[in-house]
PDB file of N, CA and C in Angstrom:
ATOM      1  N   MET A   1      63.375 -31.843  95.463  1.00  0.00           N
ATOM      2  CA  MET A   1      63.196 -30.900  96.549  1.00  0.00           C
ATOM      3  C   MET A   1      61.841 -30.217  96.356  1.00  0.00           C
ATOM      4  N   SER A   2      61.133 -30.002  97.436  1.00  0.00           N
ATOM      5  CA  SER A   2      59.832 -29.340  97.368  1.00  0.00           C
ATOM      6  C   SER A   2      59.878 -28.014  98.125  1.00  0.00           C
ATOM      7  N   ILE A   3      59.175 -27.045  97.566  1.00  0.00           N
ATOM      8  CA  ILE A   3      59.165 -25.693  98.124  1.00  0.00           C
ATOM      9  C   ILE A   3      57.725 -25.218  98.230  1.00  0.00           C
ATOM     10  N   VAL A   4      57.416 -24.515  99.307  1.00  0.00           N
ATOM     11  CA  VAL A   4      56.127 -23.851  99.453  1.00  0.00           C
ATOM     12  C   VAL A   4      56.399 -22.355  99.483  1.00  0.00           C
ATOM     13  N   ILE A   5      55.718 -21.623  98.605  1.00  0.00           N
ATOM     14  CA  ILE A   5      55.857 -20.169  98.539  1.00  0.00           C
ATOM     15  C   ILE A   5      54.572 -19.560  99.083  1.00  0.00           C
ATOM     16  N   ILE A   6      54.717 -18.717 100.088  1.00  0.00           N
ATOM     17  CA  ILE A   6      53.581 -18.042 100.712  1.00  0.00           C
ATOM     18  C   ILE A   6      53.675 -16.566 100.362  1.00  0.00           C
ATOM     19  N   GLY A   7      52.624 -16.027  99.745  1.00  0.00           N
ATOM     20  CA  GLY A   7      52.626 -14.639  99.325  1.00  0.00           C
ATOM     21  C   GLY A   7      52.985 -14.532  97.853  1.00  0.00           C
ATOM     22  N   GLY A   8      53.335 -13.345  97.427  1.00  0.00           N
ATOM     23  CA  GLY A   8      53.662 -13.138  96.023  1.00  0.00           C
ATOM     24  C   GLY A   8      52.474 -12.577  95.268  1.00  0.00           C
ATOM     25  N   ASN A   9      52.649 -12.459  93.963  1.00  0.00           N
ATOM     26  CA  ASN A   9      51.614 -11.887  93.111  1.00  0.00           C
ATOM     27  C   ASN A   9      50.846 -12.989  92.392  1.00  0.00           C
ATOM     28  N   ASP A  10      49.533 -12.823  92.298  1.00  0.00           N
ATOM     29  CA  ASP A  10      48.689 -13.821  91.639  1.00  0.00           C
ATOM     30  C   ASP A  10      49.136 -14.093  90.204  1.00  0.00           C
ATOM     31  N   ARG A  11      49.531 -13.060  89.505  1.00  0.00           N
ATOM     32  CA  ARG A  11      49.888 -13.203  88.090  1.00  0.00           C
ATOM     33  C   ARG A  11      51.241 -13.855  87.870  1.00  0.00           C
ATOM     34  N   MET A  12      51.980 -14.074  88.928  1.00  0.00           N
ATOM     35  CA  MET A  12      53.319 -14.648  88.774  1.00  0.00           C
ATOM     36  C   MET A  12      53.410 -16.094  89.256  1.00  0.00           C
ATOM     37  N   ILE A  13      52.301 -16.718  89.545  1.00  0.00           N
ATOM     38  CA  ILE A  13      52.327 -18.092  90.057  1.00  0.00           C
ATOM     39  C   ILE A  13      53.066 -19.014  89.100  1.00  0.00           C
ATOM     40  N   TYR A  14      52.761 -18.923  87.803  1.00  0.00           N
ATOM     41  CA  TYR A  14      53.406 -19.815  86.838  1.00  0.00           C
ATOM     42  C   TYR A  14      54.888 -19.501  86.676  1.00  0.00           C
ATOM     43  N   GLN A  15      55.267 -18.223  86.811  1.00  0.00           N
ATOM     44  CA  GLN A  15      56.687 -17.872  86.757  1.00  0.00           C
ATOM     45  C   GLN A  15      57.430 -18.434  87.961  1.00  0.00           C
ATOM     46  N   TYR A  16      56.824 -18.347  89.148  1.00  0.00           N
ATOM     47  CA  TYR A  16      57.441 -18.923  90.345  1.00  0.00           C
ATOM     48  C   TYR A  16      57.643 -20.427  90.170  1.00  0.00           C
ATOM     49  N   LYS A  17      56.599 -21.116  89.711  1.00  0.00           N
ATOM     50  CA  LYS A  17      56.691 -22.562  89.520  1.00  0.00           C
ATOM     51  C   LYS A  17      57.716 -22.918  88.447  1.00  0.00           C
ATOM     52  N   GLY A  18      57.758 -22.125  87.370  1.00  0.00           N
ATOM     53  CA  GLY A  18      58.726 -22.374  86.300  1.00  0.00           C
ATOM     54  C   GLY A  18      60.157 -22.213  86.773  1.00  0.00           C
ATOM     55  N   LEU A  19      60.414 -21.181  87.561  1.00  0.00           N
ATOM     56  CA  LEU A  19      61.763 -20.965  88.088  1.00  0.00           C
ATOM     57  C   LEU A  19      62.155 -22.091  89.035  1.00  0.00           C
ATOM     58  N   CYS A  20      61.234 -22.506  89.864  1.00  0.00           N
ATOM     59  CA  CYS A  20      61.528 -23.622  90.774  1.00  0.00           C
ATOM     60  C   CYS A  20      61.822 -24.889  89.983  1.00  0.00           C
ATOM     61  N   LYS A  21      61.105 -25.083  88.897  1.00  0.00           N
ATOM     62  CA  LYS A  21      61.328 -26.266  88.057  1.00  0.00           C
ATOM     63  C   LYS A  21      62.727 -26.243  87.448  1.00  0.00           C
ATOM     64  N   GLU A  22      63.222 -25.051  87.089  1.00  0.00           N
ATOM     65  CA  GLU A  22      64.588 -24.917  86.560  1.00  0.00           C
ATOM     66  C   GLU A  22      65.623 -25.395  87.577  1.00  0.00           C
ATOM     67  N   TYR A  23      65.317 -25.244  88.847  1.00  0.00           N
ATOM     68  CA  TYR A  23      66.221 -25.675  89.916  1.00  0.00           C
ATOM     69  C   TYR A  23      65.908 -27.097  90.388  1.00  0.00           C
ATOM     70  N   GLY A  24      65.017 -27.774  89.689  1.00  0.00           N
ATOM     71  CA  GLY A  24      64.680 -29.151  90.042  1.00  0.00           C
ATOM     72  C   GLY A  24      63.782 -29.261  91.258  1.00  0.00           C
ATOM     73  N   CYS A  25      62.963 -28.250  91.482  1.00  0.00           N
ATOM     74  CA  CYS A  25      62.090 -28.217  92.660  1.00  0.00           C
ATOM     75  C   CYS A  25      60.620 -28.279  92.248  1.00  0.00           C
ATOM     76  N   ARG A  26      59.827 -28.880  93.102  1.00  0.00           N
ATOM     77  CA  ARG A  26      58.372 -28.821  92.959  1.00  0.00           C
ATOM     78  C   ARG A  26      57.891 -27.711  93.878  1.00  0.00           C
ATOM     79  N   ALA A  27      56.971 -26.892  93.375  1.00  0.00           N
ATOM     80  CA  ALA A  27      56.532 -25.739  94.165  1.00  0.00           C
ATOM     81  C   ALA A  27      55.021 -25.714  94.337  1.00  0.00           C
ATOM     82  N   LYS A  28      54.608 -25.359  95.542  1.00  0.00           N
ATOM     83  CA  LYS A  28      53.217 -25.009  95.830  1.00  0.00           C
ATOM     84  C   LYS A  28      53.233 -23.522  96.132  1.00  0.00           C
ATOM     85  N   VAL A  29      52.313 -22.784  95.524  1.00  0.00           N
ATOM     86  CA  VAL A  29      52.274 -21.336  95.720  1.00  0.00           C
ATOM     87  C   VAL A  29      50.918 -20.948  96.295  1.00  0.00           C
ATOM     88  N   PHE A  30      50.952 -20.218  97.406  1.00  0.00           N
ATOM     89  CA  PHE A  30      49.740 -19.709  98.041  1.00  0.00           C
ATOM     90  C   PHE A  30      49.835 -18.187  98.061  1.00  0.00           C
ATOM     91  N   THR A  31      49.110 -17.521  97.158  1.00  0.00           N
ATOM     92  CA  THR A  31      49.131 -16.059  97.147  1.00  0.00           C
ATOM     93  C   THR A  31      47.996 -15.479  97.982  1.00  0.00           C
ATOM     94  N   GLN A  32      46.996 -16.289  98.259  1.00  0.00           N
ATOM     95  CA  GLN A  32      45.877 -15.856  99.090  1.00  0.00           C
ATOM     96  C   GLN A  32      45.557 -16.936 100.107  1.00  0.00           C
ATOM     97  N   MET A  33      44.967 -16.520 101.207  1.00  0.00           N
ATOM     98  CA  MET A  33      44.623 -17.458 102.279  1.00  0.00           C
ATOM     99  C   MET A  33      43.546 -18.423 101.803  1.00  0.00           C
ATOM    100  N   GLN A  34      43.810 -19.702 102.026  1.00  0.00           N
ATOM    101  CA  GLN A  34      42.824 -20.729 101.711  1.00  0.00           C
ATOM    102  C   GLN A  34      42.415 -21.395 103.010  1.00  0.00           C
ATOM    103  N   GLY A  35      41.212 -21.912 103.061  1.00  0.00           N
ATOM    104  CA  GLY A  35      40.681 -22.483 104.293  1.00  0.00           C
ATOM    105  C   GLY A  35      41.560 -23.539 104.929  1.00  0.00           C
ATOM    106  N   ALA A  36      42.049 -24.461 104.144  1.00  0.00           N
ATOM    107  CA  ALA A  36      42.831 -25.578 104.684  1.00  0.00           C
ATOM    108  C   ALA A  36      44.312 -25.435 104.339  1.00  0.00           C
ATOM    109  N   MET A  37      44.819 -24.212 104.401  1.00  0.00           N
ATOM    110  CA  MET A  37      46.213 -23.987 104.018  1.00  0.00           C
ATOM    111  C   MET A  37      47.179 -24.773 104.901  1.00  0.00           C
ATOM    112  N   LYS A  38      46.885 -24.879 106.185  1.00  0.00           N
ATOM    113  CA  LYS A  38      47.765 -25.630 107.091  1.00  0.00           C
ATOM    114  C   LYS A  38      47.934 -27.064 106.620  1.00  0.00           C
ATOM    115  N   LYS A  39      46.845 -27.671 106.168  1.00  0.00           N
ATOM    116  CA  LYS A  39      46.905 -29.054 105.700  1.00  0.00           C
ATOM    117  C   LYS A  39      47.608 -29.164 104.356  1.00  0.00           C
ATOM    118  N   LYS A  40      47.523 -28.118 103.533  1.00  0.00           N
ATOM    119  CA  LYS A  40      48.095 -28.157 102.191  1.00  0.00           C
ATOM    120  C   LYS A  40      49.586 -27.857 102.163  1.00  0.00           C
ATOM    121  N   ILE A  41      50.118 -27.242 103.210  1.00  0.00           N
ATOM    122  CA  ILE A  41      51.549 -26.929 103.236  1.00  0.00           C
ATOM    123  C   ILE A  41      52.369 -28.207 103.192  1.00  0.00           C
ATOM    124  N   GLY A  42      51.992 -29.194 103.935  1.00  0.00           N
ATOM    125  CA  GLY A  42      52.692 -30.478 103.911  1.00  0.00           C
ATOM    126  C   GLY A  42      54.028 -30.425 104.625  1.00  0.00           C
ATOM    127  N   ASN A  43      55.018 -31.119 104.067  1.00  0.00           N
ATOM    128  CA  ASN A  43      56.349 -31.202 104.666  1.00  0.00           C
ATOM    129  C   ASN A  43      57.411 -30.855 103.619  1.00  0.00           C
ATOM    130  N   PRO A  44      57.503 -29.589 103.208  1.00  0.00           N
ATOM    131  CA  PRO A  44      58.452 -29.214 102.157  1.00  0.00           C
ATOM    132  C   PRO A  44      59.880 -29.110 102.682  1.00  0.00           C
ATOM    133  N   ASP A  45      60.812 -29.024 101.750  1.00  0.00           N
ATOM    134  CA  ASP A  45      62.214 -28.827 102.112  1.00  0.00           C
ATOM    135  C   ASP A  45      62.501 -27.368 102.457  1.00  0.00           C
ATOM    136  N   LEU A  46      61.646 -26.459 101.981  1.00  0.00           N
ATOM    137  CA  LEU A  46      61.844 -25.031 102.227  1.00  0.00           C
ATOM    138  C   LEU A  46      60.507 -24.307 102.137  1.00  0.00           C
ATOM    139  N   VAL A  47      60.278 -23.367 103.051  1.00  0.00           N
ATOM    140  CA  VAL A  47      59.118 -22.483 102.995  1.00  0.00           C
ATOM    141  C   VAL A  47      59.640 -21.081 102.727  1.00  0.00           C
ATOM    142  N   VAL A  48      59.147 -20.461 101.653  1.00  0.00           N
ATOM    143  CA  VAL A  48      59.544 -19.098 101.295  1.00  0.00           C
ATOM    144  C   VAL A  48      58.371 -18.184 101.608  1.00  0.00           C
ATOM    145  N   LEU A  49      58.640 -17.126 102.352  1.00  0.00           N
ATOM    146  CA  LEU A  49      57.604 -16.191 102.770  1.00  0.00           C
ATOM    147  C   LEU A  49      57.913 -14.821 102.175  1.00  0.00           C
ATOM    148  N   PHE A  50      57.086 -14.377 101.212  1.00  0.00           N
ATOM    149  CA  PHE A  50      57.233 -13.042 100.634  1.00  0.00           C
ATOM    150  C   PHE A  50      56.451 -12.075 101.519  1.00  0.00           C
ATOM    151  N   THR A  51      57.145 -11.359 102.381  1.00  0.00           N
ATOM    152  CA  THR A  51      56.492 -10.603 103.451  1.00  0.00           C
ATOM    153  C   THR A  51      55.764  -9.347 102.985  1.00  0.00           C
ATOM    154  N   ASN A  52      56.112  -8.795 101.835  1.00  0.00           N
ATOM    155  CA  ASN A  52      55.476  -7.563 101.387  1.00  0.00           C
ATOM    156  C   ASN A  52      54.077  -7.806 100.816  1.00  0.00           C
ATOM    157  N   THR A  53      53.834  -9.002 100.310  1.00  0.00           N
ATOM    158  CA  THR A  53      52.570  -9.267  99.618  1.00  0.00           C
ATOM    159  C   THR A  53      51.789 -10.395 100.278  1.00  0.00           C
ATOM    160  N   VAL A  54      51.748 -10.394 101.591  1.00  0.00           N
ATOM    161  CA  VAL A  54      51.070 -11.479 102.291  1.00  0.00           C
ATOM    162  C   VAL A  54      50.321 -10.914 103.498  1.00  0.00           C
ATOM    163  N   SER A  55      49.193 -11.519 103.824  1.00  0.00           N
ATOM    164  CA  SER A  55      48.421 -11.055 104.979  1.00  0.00           C
ATOM    165  C   SER A  55      49.054 -11.555 106.275  1.00  0.00           C
ATOM    166  N   HIS A  56      48.742 -10.873 107.359  1.00  0.00           N
ATOM    167  CA  HIS A  56      49.272 -11.268 108.667  1.00  0.00           C
ATOM    168  C   HIS A  56      48.786 -12.668 109.053  1.00  0.00           C
ATOM    169  N   LYS A  57      47.570 -12.980 108.682  1.00  0.00           N
ATOM    170  CA  LYS A  57      47.014 -14.292 109.001  1.00  0.00           C
ATOM    171  C   LYS A  57      47.805 -15.401 108.296  1.00  0.00           C
ATOM    172  N   MET A  58      48.190 -15.163 107.040  1.00  0.00           N
ATOM    173  CA  MET A  58      48.983 -16.159 106.313  1.00  0.00           C
ATOM    174  C   MET A  58      50.370 -16.297 106.921  1.00  0.00           C
ATOM    175  N   VAL A  59      50.940 -15.182 107.360  1.00  0.00           N
ATOM    176  CA  VAL A  59      52.262 -15.218 107.994  1.00  0.00           C
ATOM    177  C   VAL A  59      52.210 -16.061 109.257  1.00  0.00           C
ATOM    178  N   THR A  60      51.233 -15.805 110.113  1.00  0.00           N
ATOM    179  CA  THR A  60      51.155 -16.567 111.361  1.00  0.00           C
ATOM    180  C   THR A  60      50.904 -18.049 111.095  1.00  0.00           C
ATOM    181  N   CYS A  61      50.106 -18.357 110.096  1.00  0.00           N
ATOM    182  CA  CYS A  61      49.840 -19.753 109.739  1.00  0.00           C
ATOM    183  C   CYS A  61      51.120 -20.429 109.250  1.00  0.00           C
ATOM    184  N   ALA A  62      51.852 -19.769 108.349  1.00  0.00           N
ATOM    185  CA  ALA A  62      53.080 -20.353 107.793  1.00  0.00           C
ATOM    186  C   ALA A  62      54.153 -20.512 108.861  1.00  0.00           C
ATOM    187  N   VAL A  63      54.317 -19.497 109.697  1.00  0.00           N
ATOM    188  CA  VAL A  63      55.350 -19.554 110.737  1.00  0.00           C
ATOM    189  C   VAL A  63      55.024 -20.635 111.764  1.00  0.00           C
ATOM    190  N   SER A  64      53.756 -20.747 112.140  1.00  0.00           N
ATOM    191  CA  SER A  64      53.399 -21.775 113.124  1.00  0.00           C
ATOM    192  C   SER A  64      53.595 -23.178 112.561  1.00  0.00           C
ATOM    193  N   GLU A  65      53.273 -23.389 111.297  1.00  0.00           N
ATOM    194  CA  GLU A  65      53.483 -24.704 110.679  1.00  0.00           C
ATOM    195  C   GLU A  65      54.971 -25.012 110.540  1.00  0.00           C
ATOM    196  N   ALA A  66      55.755 -23.990 110.190  1.00  0.00           N
ATOM    197  CA  ALA A  66      57.203 -24.189 110.061  1.00  0.00           C
ATOM    198  C   ALA A  66      57.824 -24.560 111.408  1.00  0.00           C
ATOM    199  N   LYS A  67      57.393 -23.889 112.472  1.00  0.00           N
ATOM    200  CA  LYS A  67      57.916 -24.210 113.805  1.00  0.00           C
ATOM    201  C   LYS A  67      57.457 -25.583 114.265  1.00  0.00           C
ATOM    202  N   LYS A  68      56.195 -25.881 114.007  1.00  0.00           N
ATOM    203  CA  LYS A  68      55.611 -27.139 114.457  1.00  0.00           C
ATOM    204  C   LYS A  68      56.319 -28.351 113.849  1.00  0.00           C
ATOM    205  N   PHE A  69      56.674 -28.250 112.567  1.00  0.00           N
ATOM    206  CA  PHE A  69      57.303 -29.378 111.879  1.00  0.00           C
ATOM    207  C   PHE A  69      58.796 -29.165 111.639  1.00  0.00           C
ATOM    208  N   ASN A  70      59.365 -28.117 112.251  1.00  0.00           N
ATOM    209  CA  ASN A  70      60.791 -27.809 112.129  1.00  0.00           C
ATOM    210  C   ASN A  70      61.207 -27.654 110.663  1.00  0.00           C
ATOM    211  N   LEU A  71      60.439 -26.856 109.914  1.00  0.00           N
ATOM    212  CA  LEU A  71      60.711 -26.620 108.502  1.00  0.00           C
ATOM    213  C   LEU A  71      61.574 -25.379 108.342  1.00  0.00           C
ATOM    214  N   PRO A  72      62.525 -25.393 107.409  1.00  0.00           N
ATOM    215  CA  PRO A  72      63.309 -24.190 107.150  1.00  0.00           C
ATOM    216  C   PRO A  72      62.421 -23.106 106.534  1.00  0.00           C
ATOM    217  N   LEU A  73      62.514 -21.900 107.049  1.00  0.00           N
ATOM    218  CA  LEU A  73      61.684 -20.783 106.613  1.00  0.00           C
ATOM    219  C   LEU A  73      62.580 -19.629 106.204  1.00  0.00           C
ATOM    220  N   THR A  74      62.379 -19.140 104.984  1.00  0.00           N
ATOM    221  CA  THR A  74      63.130 -17.993 104.490  1.00  0.00           C
ATOM    222  C   THR A  74      62.151 -16.863 104.229  1.00  0.00           C
ATOM    223  N   ARG A  75      62.464 -15.686 104.752  1.00  0.00           N
ATOM    224  CA  ARG A  75      61.611 -14.514 104.541  1.00  0.00           C
ATOM    225  C   ARG A  75      62.295 -13.556 103.581  1.00  0.00           C
ATOM    226  N   CYS A  76      61.487 -12.996 102.685  1.00  0.00           N
ATOM    227  CA  CYS A  76      62.012 -12.032 101.720  1.00  0.00           C
ATOM    228  C   CYS A  76      60.976 -10.929 101.549  1.00  0.00           C
ATOM    229  N   HIS A  77      61.421  -9.683 101.559  1.00  0.00           N
ATOM    230  CA  HIS A  77      60.491  -8.560 101.467  1.00  0.00           C
ATOM    231  C   HIS A  77      59.877  -8.456 100.073  1.00  0.00           C
ATOM    232  N   THR A  78      60.679  -8.628  99.040  1.00  0.00           N
ATOM    233  CA  THR A  78      60.165  -8.503  97.679  1.00  0.00           C
ATOM    234  C   THR A  78      59.711  -9.853  97.147  1.00  0.00           C
ATOM    235  N   SER A  79      58.781  -9.809  96.213  1.00  0.00           N
ATOM    236  CA  SER A  79      58.255 -11.050  95.641  1.00  0.00           C
ATOM    237  C   SER A  79      58.633 -11.187  94.170  1.00  0.00           C
ATOM    238  N   SER A  80      59.813 -10.701  93.814  1.00  0.00           N
ATOM    239  CA  SER A  80      60.256 -10.753  92.424  1.00  0.00           C
ATOM    240  C   SER A  80      60.894 -12.099  92.096  1.00  0.00           C
ATOM    241  N   LEU A  81      61.028 -12.367  90.790  1.00  0.00           N
ATOM    242  CA  LEU A  81      61.691 -13.598  90.364  1.00  0.00           C
ATOM    243  C   LEU A  81      63.160 -13.593  90.745  1.00  0.00           C
ATOM    244  N   SER A  82      63.795 -12.433  90.676  1.00  0.00           N
ATOM    245  CA  SER A  82      65.219 -12.384  91.034  1.00  0.00           C
ATOM    246  C   SER A  82      65.416 -12.652  92.524  1.00  0.00           C
ATOM    247  N   ALA A  83      64.483 -12.216  93.351  1.00  0.00           N
ATOM    248  CA  ALA A  83      64.570 -12.514  94.787  1.00  0.00           C
ATOM    249  C   ALA A  83      64.410 -14.011  95.024  1.00  0.00           C
ATOM    250  N   LEU A  84      63.450 -14.621  94.336  1.00  0.00           N
ATOM    251  CA  LEU A  84      63.252 -16.067  94.466  1.00  0.00           C
ATOM    252  C   LEU A  84      64.462 -16.824  93.930  1.00  0.00           C
ATOM    253  N   ARG A  85      65.030 -16.340  92.832  1.00  0.00           N
ATOM    254  CA  ARG A  85      66.229 -16.976  92.273  1.00  0.00           C
ATOM    255  C   ARG A  85      67.373 -16.950  93.289  1.00  0.00           C
ATOM    256  N   GLY A  86      67.546 -15.826  93.972  1.00  0.00           N
ATOM    257  CA  GLY A  86      68.585 -15.723  95.000  1.00  0.00           C
ATOM    258  C   GLY A  86      68.363 -16.705  96.140  1.00  0.00           C
ATOM    259  N   ILE A  87      67.113 -16.850  96.551  1.00  0.00           N
ATOM    260  CA  ILE A  87      66.789 -17.802  97.621  1.00  0.00           C
ATOM    261  C   ILE A  87      67.087 -19.225  97.167  1.00  0.00           C
ATOM    262  N   LEU A  88      66.693 -19.551  95.942  1.00  0.00           N
ATOM    263  CA  LEU A  88      66.937 -20.901  95.419  1.00  0.00           C
ATOM    264  C   LEU A  88      68.426 -21.175  95.255  1.00  0.00           C
ATOM    265  N   GLU A  89      69.179 -20.157  94.822  1.00  0.00           N
ATOM    266  CA  GLU A  89      70.639 -20.308  94.705  1.00  0.00           C
ATOM    267  C   GLU A  89      71.249 -20.611  96.069  1.00  0.00           C
ATOM    268  N   GLU A  90      70.870 -19.824  97.052  1.00  0.00           N
ATOM    269  CA  GLU A  90      71.395 -19.996  98.411  1.00  0.00           C
ATOM    270  C   GLU A  90      71.037 -21.375  98.960  1.00  0.00           C
ATOM    271  N   HIS A  91      69.792 -21.762  98.765  1.00  0.00           N
ATOM    272  CA  HIS A  91      69.339 -23.042  99.314  1.00  0.00           C
ATOM    273  C   HIS A  91      69.953 -24.227  98.567  1.00  0.00           C
ATOM    274  N   SER A  92      70.079 -24.119  97.255  1.00  0.00           N
ATOM    275  CA  SER A  92      70.644 -25.240  96.494  1.00  0.00           C
ATOM    276  C   SER A  92      72.136 -25.392  96.775  1.00  0.00           C
ATOM    277  N   ARG A  93      72.800 -24.300  97.100  1.00  0.00           N
ATOM    278  CA  ARG A  93      74.221 -24.351  97.446  1.00  0.00           C
ATOM    279  C   ARG A  93      74.412 -24.954  98.835  1.00  0.00           C
ATOM    280  N   CYS A  94      73.490 -24.634  99.722  1.00  0.00           N
ATOM    281  CA  CYS A  94      73.602 -25.012 101.133  1.00  0.00           C
ATOM    282  C   CYS A  94      73.309 -26.491 101.365  1.00  0.00           C
ATOM    283  N   LYS A  95      72.182 -26.983 100.879  1.00  0.00           N
ATOM    284  CA  LYS A  95      71.725 -28.368 101.045  1.00  0.00           C
ATOM    285  C   LYS A  95      71.481 -28.769 102.496  1.00  0.00           C
ATOM    286  N   ASN A  96      71.848 -27.924 103.446  1.00  0.00           N
ATOM    287  CA  ASN A  96      71.616 -28.233 104.854  1.00  0.00           C
ATOM    288  C   ASN A  96      71.176 -26.950 105.532  1.00  0.00           C
ATOM    289  N   CYS A  97      69.904 -26.803 105.739  1.00  0.00           N
ATOM    290  CA  CYS A  97      69.362 -25.532 106.214  1.00  0.00           C
ATOM    291  C   CYS A  97      69.649 -25.220 107.668  1.00  0.00           C
ATOM    292  N   ASN A  98      70.252 -26.094 108.395  1.00  0.00           N
ATOM    293  CA  ASN A  98      70.441 -25.837 109.820  1.00  0.00           C
ATOM    294  C   ASN A  98      71.387 -24.682 110.103  1.00  0.00           C
ATOM    295  N   GLY A  99      72.351 -24.444 109.226  1.00  0.00           N
ATOM    296  CA  GLY A  99      73.291 -23.382 109.521  1.00  0.00           C
ATOM    297  C   GLY A  99      73.339 -22.287 108.488  1.00  0.00           C
ATOM    298  N   CYS A 100      72.467 -22.331 107.514  1.00  0.00           N
ATOM    299  CA  CYS A 100      72.512 -21.394 106.397  1.00  0.00           C
ATOM    300  C   CYS A 100      71.988 -20.022 106.819  1.00  0.00           C
ATOM    301  N   SER A 101      72.548 -18.970 106.281  1.00  0.00           N
ATOM    302  CA  SER A 101      72.162 -17.619 106.679  1.00  0.00           C
ATOM    303  C   SER A 101      70.757 -17.266 106.219  1.00  0.00           C
ATOM    304  N   GLY A 102      70.261 -17.899 105.157  1.00  0.00           N
ATOM    305  CA  GLY A 102      68.942 -17.569 104.650  1.00  0.00           C
ATOM    306  C   GLY A 102      67.809 -18.270 105.365  1.00  0.00           C
ATOM    307  N   CYS A 103      68.124 -19.209 106.243  1.00  0.00           N
ATOM    308  CA  CYS A 103      67.038 -19.998 106.849  1.00  0.00           C
ATOM    309  C   CYS A 103      66.761 -19.606 108.283  1.00  0.00           C
TER     310      CYS A 103
END
């Protein structure tokens, strides 16, 4: 399973990736806007948006890509490891994002 994390703290990139690895996921983390972010998002199984630590431009880019490719998008206000763990628990339990409360 692949996950794209938008937002979060720069110093926690490796912790985010490590936690995703514990759940058997590959993660791409974008804490700052990059020029070709739309192209780098790809086609993940889940897009996680940490809304407290992200610019409006990154939010609009992530949301438009998620809508365009019908990707499941989960928004979370906090960018902590426990918040990400909760999202991963919910998603790994669900396996089908079409009806899940977090998506």
